[in-house]
Amino acid sequence: GQVQAGGPLSLSCAASTPIGSPNTMEWHRQAPGKQRELV
């Protein structure tokens, strides 16, 4: 969503099925005109 600078925001990511082991969950982001980066 949209938030003012200095504010908080929380994202969630839910998998549709049990995801087993081992595994790693990652958050990436892509800004306009930039490459996707690992956060």
PDB file of all heavy atoms in Angstrom:
ATOM      1  N   GLY A   1       0.827  -1.198   0.000  1.00  0.00           N
ATOM      2  CA  GLY A   1       0.000   0.000   0.000  1.00  0.00           C
ATOM      3  C   GLY A   1       0.852   1.234   0.000  1.00  0.00           C
ATOM      4  O   GLY A   1       2.045   1.182  -0.301  1.00  0.00           O
ATOM      5  N   GLN A   2       0.229   2.331   0.342  1.00  0.00           N
ATOM      6  CA  GLN A   2       0.929   3.605   0.393  1.00  0.00           C
ATOM      7  C   GLN A   2       1.094   4.040   1.832  1.00  0.00           C
ATOM      8  O   GLN A   2       0.158   3.926   2.632  1.00  0.00           O
ATOM      9  CB  GLN A   2       0.166   4.672  -0.400  1.00  0.00           C
ATOM     10  CG  GLN A   2       0.904   6.003  -0.487  1.00  0.00           C
ATOM     11  CD  GLN A   2       0.326   6.933  -1.538  1.00  0.00           C
ATOM     12  OE1 GLN A   2      -0.472   6.507  -2.372  1.00  0.00           O
ATOM     13  NE2 GLN A   2       0.730   8.179  -1.503  1.00  0.00           N
ATOM     14  N   VAL A   3       2.266   4.547   2.151  1.00  0.00           N
ATOM     15  CA  VAL A   3       2.563   4.980   3.509  1.00  0.00           C
ATOM     16  C   VAL A   3       3.467   6.197   3.441  1.00  0.00           C
ATOM     17  O   VAL A   3       4.229   6.367   2.475  1.00  0.00           O
ATOM     18  CB  VAL A   3       3.230   3.833   4.312  1.00  0.00           C
ATOM     19  CG1 VAL A   3       4.576   3.461   3.711  1.00  0.00           C
ATOM     20  CG2 VAL A   3       3.353   4.179   5.781  1.00  0.00           C
ATOM     21  N   GLN A   4       3.376   7.037   4.438  1.00  0.00           N
ATOM     22  CA  GLN A   4       4.254   8.213   4.489  1.00  0.00           C
ATOM     23  C   GLN A   4       5.645   7.816   4.959  1.00  0.00           C
ATOM     24  O   GLN A   4       5.817   6.857   5.736  1.00  0.00           O
ATOM     25  CB  GLN A   4       3.670   9.264   5.427  1.00  0.00           C
ATOM     26  CG  GLN A   4       2.509  10.039   4.818  1.00  0.00           C
ATOM     27  CD  GLN A   4       2.187  11.279   5.601  1.00  0.00           C
ATOM     28  OE1 GLN A   4       2.252  11.283   6.825  1.00  0.00           O
ATOM     29  NE2 GLN A   4       1.810  12.344   4.906  1.00  0.00           N
ATOM     30  N   ALA A   5       6.627   8.557   4.511  1.00  0.00           N
ATOM     31  CA  ALA A   5       7.997   8.311   4.940  1.00  0.00           C
ATOM     32  C   ALA A   5       8.083   8.337   6.466  1.00  0.00           C
ATOM     33  O   ALA A   5       7.467   9.191   7.110  1.00  0.00           O
ATOM     34  CB  ALA A   5       8.925   9.349   4.338  1.00  0.00           C
ATOM     35  N   GLY A   6       8.822   7.369   6.981  1.00  0.00           N
ATOM     36  CA  GLY A   6       8.947   7.236   8.423  1.00  0.00           C
ATOM     37  C   GLY A   6       7.964   6.277   9.040  1.00  0.00           C
ATOM     38  O   GLY A   6       8.118   5.865  10.199  1.00  0.00           O
ATOM     39  N   GLY A   7       6.961   5.891   8.287  1.00  0.00           N
ATOM     40  CA  GLY A   7       5.922   5.009   8.791  1.00  0.00           C
ATOM     41  C   GLY A   7       6.265   3.544   8.619  1.00  0.00           C
ATOM     42  O   GLY A   7       7.256   3.192   7.987  1.00  0.00           O
ATOM     43  N   PRO A   8       5.424   2.658   9.197  1.00  0.00           N
ATOM     44  CA  PRO A   8       5.620   1.223   9.078  1.00  0.00           C
ATOM     45  C   PRO A   8       4.648   0.581   8.093  1.00  0.00           C
ATOM     46  O   PRO A   8       3.606   1.156   7.762  1.00  0.00           O
ATOM     47  CB  PRO A   8       5.299   0.740  10.493  1.00  0.00           C
ATOM     48  CG  PRO A   8       4.183   1.647  10.920  1.00  0.00           C
ATOM     49  CD  PRO A   8       4.445   2.986  10.241  1.00  0.00           C
ATOM     50  N   LEU A   9       5.020  -0.600   7.659  1.00  0.00           N
ATOM     51  CA  LEU A   9       4.143  -1.404   6.820  1.00  0.00           C
ATOM     52  C   LEU A   9       4.569  -2.848   6.989  1.00  0.00           C
ATOM     53  O   LEU A   9       5.763  -3.134   7.149  1.00  0.00           O
ATOM     54  CB  LEU A   9       4.269  -0.982   5.355  1.00  0.00           C
ATOM     55  CG  LEU A   9       3.129  -1.304   4.398  1.00  0.00           C
ATOM     56  CD1 LEU A   9       1.842  -0.614   4.839  1.00  0.00           C
ATOM     57  CD2 LEU A   9       3.493  -0.864   2.981  1.00  0.00           C
ATOM     58  N   SER A  10       3.606  -3.745   6.963  1.00  0.00           N
ATOM     59  CA  SER A  10       3.915  -5.153   7.122  1.00  0.00           C
ATOM     60  C   SER A  10       3.385  -5.935   5.933  1.00  0.00           C
ATOM     61  O   SER A  10       2.243  -5.751   5.524  1.00  0.00           O
ATOM     62  CB  SER A  10       3.288  -5.691   8.415  1.00  0.00           C
ATOM     63  OG  SER A  10       3.605  -7.056   8.597  1.00  0.00           O
ATOM     64  N   LEU A  11       4.209  -6.790   5.383  1.00  0.00           N
ATOM     65  CA  LEU A  11       3.830  -7.654   4.269  1.00  0.00           C
ATOM     66  C   LEU A  11       3.770  -9.101   4.751  1.00  0.00           C
ATOM     67  O   LEU A  11       4.533  -9.491   5.634  1.00  0.00           O
ATOM     68  CB  LEU A  11       4.848  -7.551   3.138  1.00  0.00           C
ATOM     69  CG  LEU A  11       5.163  -6.162   2.601  1.00  0.00           C
ATOM     70  CD1 LEU A  11       6.191  -6.266   1.482  1.00  0.00           C
ATOM     71  CD2 LEU A  11       3.909  -5.462   2.130  1.00  0.00           C
ATOM     72  N   SER A  12       2.900  -9.857   4.126  1.00  0.00           N
ATOM     73  CA  SER A  12       2.834 -11.290   4.424  1.00  0.00           C
ATOM     74  C   SER A  12       2.934 -12.077   3.133  1.00  0.00           C
ATOM     75  O   SER A  12       2.621 -11.583   2.052  1.00  0.00           O
ATOM     76  CB  SER A  12       1.541 -11.635   5.158  1.00  0.00           C
ATOM     77  OG  SER A  12       0.423 -11.398   4.328  1.00  0.00           O
ATOM     78  N   CYS A  13       3.382 -13.310   3.266  1.00  0.00           N
ATOM     79  CA  CYS A  13       3.514 -14.211   2.127  1.00  0.00           C
ATOM     80  C   CYS A  13       3.052 -15.585   2.588  1.00  0.00           C
ATOM     81  O   CYS A  13       3.686 -16.189   3.460  1.00  0.00           O
ATOM     82  CB  CYS A  13       4.955 -14.258   1.655  1.00  0.00           C
ATOM     83  SG  CYS A  13       5.273 -15.488   0.375  1.00  0.00           S
ATOM     84  N   ALA A  14       1.972 -16.063   2.004  1.00  0.00           N
ATOM     85  CA  ALA A  14       1.404 -17.349   2.402  1.00  0.00           C
ATOM     86  C   ALA A  14       1.546 -18.346   1.263  1.00  0.00           C
ATOM     87  O   ALA A  14       1.199 -18.037   0.118  1.00  0.00           O
ATOM     88  CB  ALA A  14      -0.067 -17.183   2.778  1.00  0.00           C
ATOM     89  N   ALA A  15       2.029 -19.531   1.593  1.00  0.00           N
ATOM     90  CA  ALA A  15       2.143 -20.602   0.605  1.00  0.00           C
ATOM     91  C   ALA A  15       0.863 -21.426   0.589  1.00  0.00           C
ATOM     92  O   ALA A  15       0.221 -21.615   1.628  1.00  0.00           O
ATOM     93  CB  ALA A  15       3.336 -21.493   0.924  1.00  0.00           C
ATOM     94  N   SER A  16       0.530 -21.918  -0.587  1.00  0.00           N
ATOM     95  CA  SER A  16      -0.731 -22.635  -0.759  1.00  0.00           C
ATOM     96  C   SER A  16      -0.691 -24.051  -0.211  1.00  0.00           C
ATOM     97  O   SER A  16      -1.734 -24.657   0.041  1.00  0.00           O
ATOM     98  CB  SER A  16      -1.101 -22.690  -2.245  1.00  0.00           C
ATOM     99  OG  SER A  16      -0.079 -23.329  -2.995  1.00  0.00           O
ATOM    100  N   THR A  17       0.520 -24.595  -0.054  1.00  0.00           N
ATOM    101  CA  THR A  17       0.667 -25.956   0.441  1.00  0.00           C
ATOM    102  C   THR A  17       1.834 -26.001   1.420  1.00  0.00           C
ATOM    103  O   THR A  17       2.666 -25.082   1.427  1.00  0.00           O
ATOM    104  CB  THR A  17       0.947 -26.933  -0.708  1.00  0.00           C
ATOM    105  OG1 THR A  17       2.190 -26.578  -1.328  1.00  0.00           O
ATOM    106  CG2 THR A  17      -0.156 -26.907  -1.755  1.00  0.00           C
ATOM    107  N   PRO A  18       1.928 -27.026   2.227  1.00  0.00           N
ATOM    108  CA  PRO A  18       3.129 -27.185   3.059  1.00  0.00           C
ATOM    109  C   PRO A  18       4.369 -27.179   2.182  1.00  0.00           C
ATOM    110  O   PRO A  18       4.383 -27.806   1.115  1.00  0.00           O
ATOM    111  CB  PRO A  18       2.902 -28.543   3.722  1.00  0.00           C
ATOM    112  CG  PRO A  18       1.417 -28.679   3.778  1.00  0.00           C
ATOM    113  CD  PRO A  18       0.918 -28.055   2.508  1.00  0.00           C
ATOM    114  N   ILE A  19       5.375 -26.466   2.619  1.00  0.00           N
ATOM    115  CA  ILE A  19       6.500 -26.216   1.729  1.00  0.00           C
ATOM    116  C   ILE A  19       7.720 -27.073   2.024  1.00  0.00           C
ATOM    117  O   ILE A  19       8.720 -26.971   1.340  1.00  0.00           O
ATOM    118  CB  ILE A  19       6.885 -24.725   1.742  1.00  0.00           C
ATOM    119  CG1 ILE A  19       7.181 -24.252   3.161  1.00  0.00           C
ATOM    120  CG2 ILE A  19       5.779 -23.904   1.124  1.00  0.00           C
ATOM    121  CD1 ILE A  19       7.591 -22.800   3.236  1.00  0.00           C
ATOM    122  N   GLY A  20       7.648 -27.923   3.028  1.00  0.00           N
ATOM    123  CA  GLY A  20       8.697 -28.897   3.221  1.00  0.00           C
ATOM    124  C   GLY A  20      10.011 -28.315   3.710  1.00  0.00           C
ATOM    125  O   GLY A  20      10.110 -27.138   4.020  1.00  0.00           O
ATOM    126  N   SER A  21      11.003 -29.175   3.751  1.00  0.00           N
ATOM    127  CA  SER A  21      12.303 -28.781   4.290  1.00  0.00           C
ATOM    128  C   SER A  21      13.386 -29.463   3.489  1.00  0.00           C
ATOM    129  O   SER A  21      13.209 -30.610   3.061  1.00  0.00           O
ATOM    130  CB  SER A  21      12.364 -29.170   5.763  1.00  0.00           C
ATOM    131  OG  SER A  21      13.590 -28.836   6.329  1.00  0.00           O
ATOM    132  N   PRO A  22      14.561 -28.882   3.311  1.00  0.00           N
ATOM    133  CA  PRO A  22      14.885 -27.518   3.733  1.00  0.00           C
ATOM    134  C   PRO A  22      14.328 -26.479   2.769  1.00  0.00           C
ATOM    135  O   PRO A  22      13.988 -26.797   1.640  1.00  0.00           O
ATOM    136  CB  PRO A  22      16.418 -27.512   3.686  1.00  0.00           C
ATOM    137  CG  PRO A  22      16.739 -28.470   2.583  1.00  0.00           C
ATOM    138  CD  PRO A  22      15.699 -29.554   2.672  1.00  0.00           C
ATOM    139  N   ASN A  23      14.215 -25.262   3.224  1.00  0.00           N
ATOM    140  CA  ASN A  23      13.769 -24.195   2.349  1.00  0.00           C
ATOM    141  C   ASN A  23      14.157 -22.849   2.928  1.00  0.00           C
ATOM    142  O   ASN A  23      14.420 -22.728   4.130  1.00  0.00           O
ATOM    143  CB  ASN A  23      12.247 -24.257   2.136  1.00  0.00           C
ATOM    144  CG  ASN A  23      11.469 -23.915   3.381  1.00  0.00           C
ATOM    145  OD1 ASN A  23      11.379 -22.746   3.765  1.00  0.00           O
ATOM    146  ND2 ASN A  23      10.891 -24.907   4.033  1.00  0.00           N
ATOM    147  N   THR A  24      14.192 -21.883   2.074  1.00  0.00           N
ATOM    148  CA  THR A  24      14.452 -20.507   2.467  1.00  0.00           C
ATOM    149  C   THR A  24      13.392 -19.631   1.817  1.00  0.00           C
ATOM    150  O   THR A  24      13.076 -19.822   0.644  1.00  0.00           O
ATOM    151  CB  THR A  24      15.844 -20.041   2.016  1.00  0.00           C
ATOM    152  OG1 THR A  24      16.844 -20.845   2.647  1.00  0.00           O
ATOM    153  CG2 THR A  24      16.073 -18.580   2.380  1.00  0.00           C
ATOM    154  N   MET A  25      12.849 -18.724   2.592  1.00  0.00           N
ATOM    155  CA  MET A  25      11.910 -17.751   2.044  1.00  0.00           C
ATOM    156  C   MET A  25      12.611 -16.406   1.961  1.00  0.00           C
ATOM    157  O   MET A  25      13.330 -16.016   2.873  1.00  0.00           O
ATOM    158  CB  MET A  25      10.645 -17.674   2.890  1.00  0.00           C
ATOM    159  CG  MET A  25       9.875 -18.990   2.905  1.00  0.00           C
ATOM    160  SD  MET A  25       8.249 -18.900   3.664  1.00  0.00           S
ATOM    161  CE  MET A  25       7.292 -18.155   2.337  1.00  0.00           C
ATOM    162  N   GLU A  26      12.401 -15.738   0.867  1.00  0.00           N
ATOM    163  CA  GLU A  26      13.088 -14.476   0.607  1.00  0.00           C
ATOM    164  C   GLU A  26      12.085 -13.395   0.219  1.00  0.00           C
ATOM    165  O   GLU A  26      11.023 -13.675  -0.329  1.00  0.00           O
ATOM    166  CB  GLU A  26      14.109 -14.638  -0.525  1.00  0.00           C
ATOM    167  CG  GLU A  26      15.180 -15.661  -0.250  1.00  0.00           C
ATOM    168  CD  GLU A  26      16.224 -15.725  -1.341  1.00  0.00           C
ATOM    169  OE1 GLU A  26      16.008 -15.102  -2.404  1.00  0.00           O
ATOM    170  OE2 GLU A  26      17.244 -16.387  -1.133  1.00  0.00           O
ATOM    171  N   TRP A  27      12.483 -12.172   0.495  1.00  0.00           N
ATOM    172  CA  TRP A  27      11.749 -11.000   0.021  1.00  0.00           C
ATOM    173  C   TRP A  27      12.670 -10.229  -0.924  1.00  0.00           C
ATOM    174  O   TRP A  27      13.819  -9.929  -0.580  1.00  0.00           O
ATOM    175  CB  TRP A  27      11.324 -10.107   1.175  1.00  0.00           C
ATOM    176  CG  TRP A  27      10.208 -10.671   1.990  1.00  0.00           C
ATOM    177  CD1 TRP A  27      10.300 -11.376   3.157  1.00  0.00           C
ATOM    178  CD2 TRP A  27       8.820 -10.580   1.687  1.00  0.00           C
ATOM    179  NE1 TRP A  27       9.051 -11.729   3.608  1.00  0.00           N
ATOM    180  CE2 TRP A  27       8.117 -11.245   2.724  1.00  0.00           C
ATOM    181  CE3 TRP A  27       8.073  -9.991   0.667  1.00  0.00           C
ATOM    182  CZ2 TRP A  27       6.730 -11.343   2.742  1.00  0.00           C
ATOM    183  CZ3 TRP A  27       6.696 -10.094   0.693  1.00  0.00           C
ATOM    184  CH2 TRP A  27       6.035 -10.764   1.730  1.00  0.00           C
ATOM    185  N   HIS A  28      12.150  -9.929  -2.085  1.00  0.00           N
ATOM    186  CA  HIS A  28      12.857  -9.136  -3.079  1.00  0.00           C
ATOM    187  C   HIS A  28      12.011  -7.910  -3.385  1.00  0.00           C
ATOM    188  O   HIS A  28      10.814  -7.901  -3.140  1.00  0.00           O
ATOM    189  CB  HIS A  28      13.070  -9.937  -4.363  1.00  0.00           C
ATOM    190  CG  HIS A  28      13.933 -11.157  -4.199  1.00  0.00           C
ATOM    191  ND1 HIS A  28      15.160 -11.275  -4.811  1.00  0.00           N
ATOM    192  CD2 HIS A  28      13.751 -12.288  -3.488  1.00  0.00           C
ATOM    193  CE1 HIS A  28      15.691 -12.445  -4.488  1.00  0.00           C
ATOM    194  NE2 HIS A  28      14.850 -13.074  -3.678  1.00  0.00           N
ATOM    195  N   ARG A  29      12.637  -6.919  -3.976  1.00  0.00           N
ATOM    196  CA  ARG A  29      11.873  -5.762  -4.424  1.00  0.00           C
ATOM    197  C   ARG A  29      12.466  -5.253  -5.737  1.00  0.00           C
ATOM    198  O   ARG A  29      13.642  -5.441  -6.019  1.00  0.00           O
ATOM    199  CB  ARG A  29      11.867  -4.651  -3.385  1.00  0.00           C
ATOM    200  CG  ARG A  29      13.206  -3.956  -3.182  1.00  0.00           C
ATOM    201  CD  ARG A  29      13.121  -2.941  -2.053  1.00  0.00           C
ATOM    202  NE  ARG A  29      14.401  -2.294  -1.805  1.00  0.00           N
ATOM    203  CZ  ARG A  29      14.657  -1.550  -0.740  1.00  0.00           C
ATOM    204  NH1 ARG A  29      13.713  -1.360   0.187  1.00  0.00           N
ATOM    205  NH2 ARG A  29      15.847  -0.985  -0.586  1.00  0.00           N
ATOM    206  N   GLN A  30      11.586  -4.595  -6.476  1.00  0.00           N
ATOM    207  CA  GLN A  30      12.015  -4.002  -7.736  1.00  0.00           C
ATOM    208  C   GLN A  30      11.457  -2.596  -7.822  1.00  0.00           C
ATOM    209  O   GLN A  30      10.229  -2.404  -7.873  1.00  0.00           O
ATOM    210  CB  GLN A  30      11.550  -4.833  -8.925  1.00  0.00           C
ATOM    211  CG  GLN A  30      12.105  -4.367 -10.247  1.00  0.00           C
ATOM    212  CD  GLN A  30      11.957  -5.397 -11.337  1.00  0.00           C
ATOM    213  OE1 GLN A  30      11.141  -6.309 -11.256  1.00  0.00           O
ATOM    214  NE2 GLN A  30      12.763  -5.262 -12.379  1.00  0.00           N
ATOM    215  N   ALA A  31      12.358  -1.639  -7.833  1.00  0.00           N
ATOM    216  CA  ALA A  31      11.971  -0.244  -7.980  1.00  0.00           C
ATOM    217  C   ALA A  31      11.862   0.081  -9.457  1.00  0.00           C
ATOM    218  O   ALA A  31      12.479  -0.582 -10.297  1.00  0.00           O
ATOM    219  CB  ALA A  31      13.005   0.658  -7.308  1.00  0.00           C
ATOM    220  N   PRO A  32      11.089   1.100  -9.797  1.00  0.00           N
ATOM    221  CA  PRO A  32      10.942   1.471 -11.208  1.00  0.00           C
ATOM    222  C   PRO A  32      12.297   1.726 -11.848  1.00  0.00           C
ATOM    223  O   PRO A  32      13.119   2.477 -11.324  1.00  0.00           O
ATOM    224  CB  PRO A  32      10.104   2.755 -11.136  1.00  0.00           C
ATOM    225  CG  PRO A  32       9.356   2.640  -9.858  1.00  0.00           C
ATOM    226  CD  PRO A  32      10.270   1.936  -8.915  1.00  0.00           C
ATOM    227  N   GLY A  33      12.533   1.074 -12.982  1.00  0.00           N
ATOM    228  CA  GLY A  33      13.758   1.284 -13.717  1.00  0.00           C
ATOM    229  C   GLY A  33      14.994   0.612 -13.147  1.00  0.00           C
ATOM    230  O   GLY A  33      16.095   0.821 -13.639  1.00  0.00           O
ATOM    231  N   LYS A  34      14.793  -0.193 -12.118  1.00  0.00           N
ATOM    232  CA  LYS A  34      15.924  -0.855 -11.478  1.00  0.00           C
ATOM    233  C   LYS A  34      15.753  -2.371 -11.508  1.00  0.00           C
ATOM    234  O   LYS A  34      14.665  -2.885 -11.714  1.00  0.00           O
ATOM    235  CB  LYS A  34      16.097  -0.362 -10.048  1.00  0.00           C
ATOM    236  CG  LYS A  34      16.465   1.100  -9.941  1.00  0.00           C
ATOM    237  CD  LYS A  34      16.810   1.482  -8.514  1.00  0.00           C
ATOM    238  CE  LYS A  34      17.258   2.922  -8.417  1.00  0.00           C
ATOM    239  NZ  LYS A  34      17.630   3.297  -7.031  1.00  0.00           N
ATOM    240  N   GLN A  35      16.863  -3.059 -11.268  1.00  0.00           N
ATOM    241  CA  GLN A  35      16.806  -4.513 -11.209  1.00  0.00           C
ATOM    242  C   GLN A  35      16.203  -4.967  -9.886  1.00  0.00           C
ATOM    243  O   GLN A  35      16.265  -4.259  -8.872  1.00  0.00           O
ATOM    244  CB  GLN A  35      18.211  -5.094 -11.363  1.00  0.00           C
ATOM    245  CG  GLN A  35      18.785  -4.967 -12.765  1.00  0.00           C
ATOM    246  CD  GLN A  35      20.098  -5.727 -12.917  1.00  0.00           C
ATOM    247  OE1 GLN A  35      20.859  -5.864 -11.971  1.00  0.00           O
ATOM    248  NE2 GLN A  35      20.346  -6.223 -14.111  1.00  0.00           N
ATOM    249  N   ARG A  36      15.648  -6.148  -9.912  1.00  0.00           N
ATOM    250  CA  ARG A  36      15.115  -6.737  -8.690  1.00  0.00           C
ATOM    251  C   ARG A  36      16.274  -7.020  -7.743  1.00  0.00           C
ATOM    252  O   ARG A  36      17.337  -7.487  -8.161  1.00  0.00           O
ATOM    253  CB  ARG A  36      14.359  -8.017  -9.008  1.00  0.00           C
ATOM    254  CG  ARG A  36      13.539  -8.569  -7.868  1.00  0.00           C
ATOM    255  CD  ARG A  36      12.717  -9.763  -8.293  1.00  0.00           C
ATOM    256  NE  ARG A  36      11.743  -9.420  -9.329  1.00  0.00           N
ATOM    257  CZ  ARG A  36      10.799 -10.261  -9.765  1.00  0.00           C
ATOM    258  NH1 ARG A  36      10.709 -11.478  -9.240  1.00  0.00           N
ATOM    259  NH2 ARG A  36       9.972  -9.887 -10.710  1.00  0.00           N
ATOM    260  N   GLU A  37      16.080  -6.729  -6.457  1.00  0.00           N
ATOM    261  CA  GLU A  37      17.137  -6.949  -5.480  1.00  0.00           C
ATOM    262  C   GLU A  37      16.619  -7.725  -4.282  1.00  0.00           C
ATOM    263  O   GLU A  37      15.439  -7.616  -3.914  1.00  0.00           O
ATOM    264  CB  GLU A  37      17.721  -5.609  -5.003  1.00  0.00           C
ATOM    265  CG  GLU A  37      16.714  -4.711  -4.299  1.00  0.00           C
ATOM    266  CD  GLU A  37      17.355  -3.472  -3.693  1.00  0.00           C
ATOM    267  OE1 GLU A  37      18.597  -3.417  -3.567  1.00  0.00           O
ATOM    268  OE2 GLU A  37      16.597  -2.546  -3.330  1.00  0.00           O
ATOM    269  N   LEU A  38      17.506  -8.483  -3.668  1.00  0.00           N
ATOM    270  CA  LEU A  38      17.163  -9.223  -2.468  1.00  0.00           C
ATOM    271  C   LEU A  38      17.127  -8.277  -1.276  1.00  0.00           C
ATOM    272  O   LEU A  38      18.075  -7.526  -1.051  1.00  0.00           O
ATOM    273  CB  LEU A  38      18.184 -10.336  -2.233  1.00  0.00           C
ATOM    274  CG  LEU A  38      18.036 -11.145  -0.950  1.00  0.00           C
ATOM    275  CD1 LEU A  38      16.722 -11.917  -0.941  1.00  0.00           C
ATOM    276  CD2 LEU A  38      19.214 -12.106  -0.786  1.00  0.00           C
ATOM    277  N   VAL A  39      16.050  -8.343  -0.528  1.00  0.00           N
ATOM    278  CA  VAL A  39      15.883  -7.476   0.637  1.00  0.00           C
ATOM    279  C   VAL A  39      16.183  -8.239   1.928  1.00  0.00           C
ATOM    280  O   VAL A  39      16.903  -7.762   2.791  1.00  0.00           O
ATOM    281  CB  VAL A  39      14.452  -6.914   0.681  1.00  0.00           C
ATOM    282  CG1 VAL A  39      14.217  -6.142   1.963  1.00  0.00           C
ATOM    283  CG2 VAL A  39      14.179  -6.036  -0.534  1.00  0.00           C
TER     284      VAL A  39
END
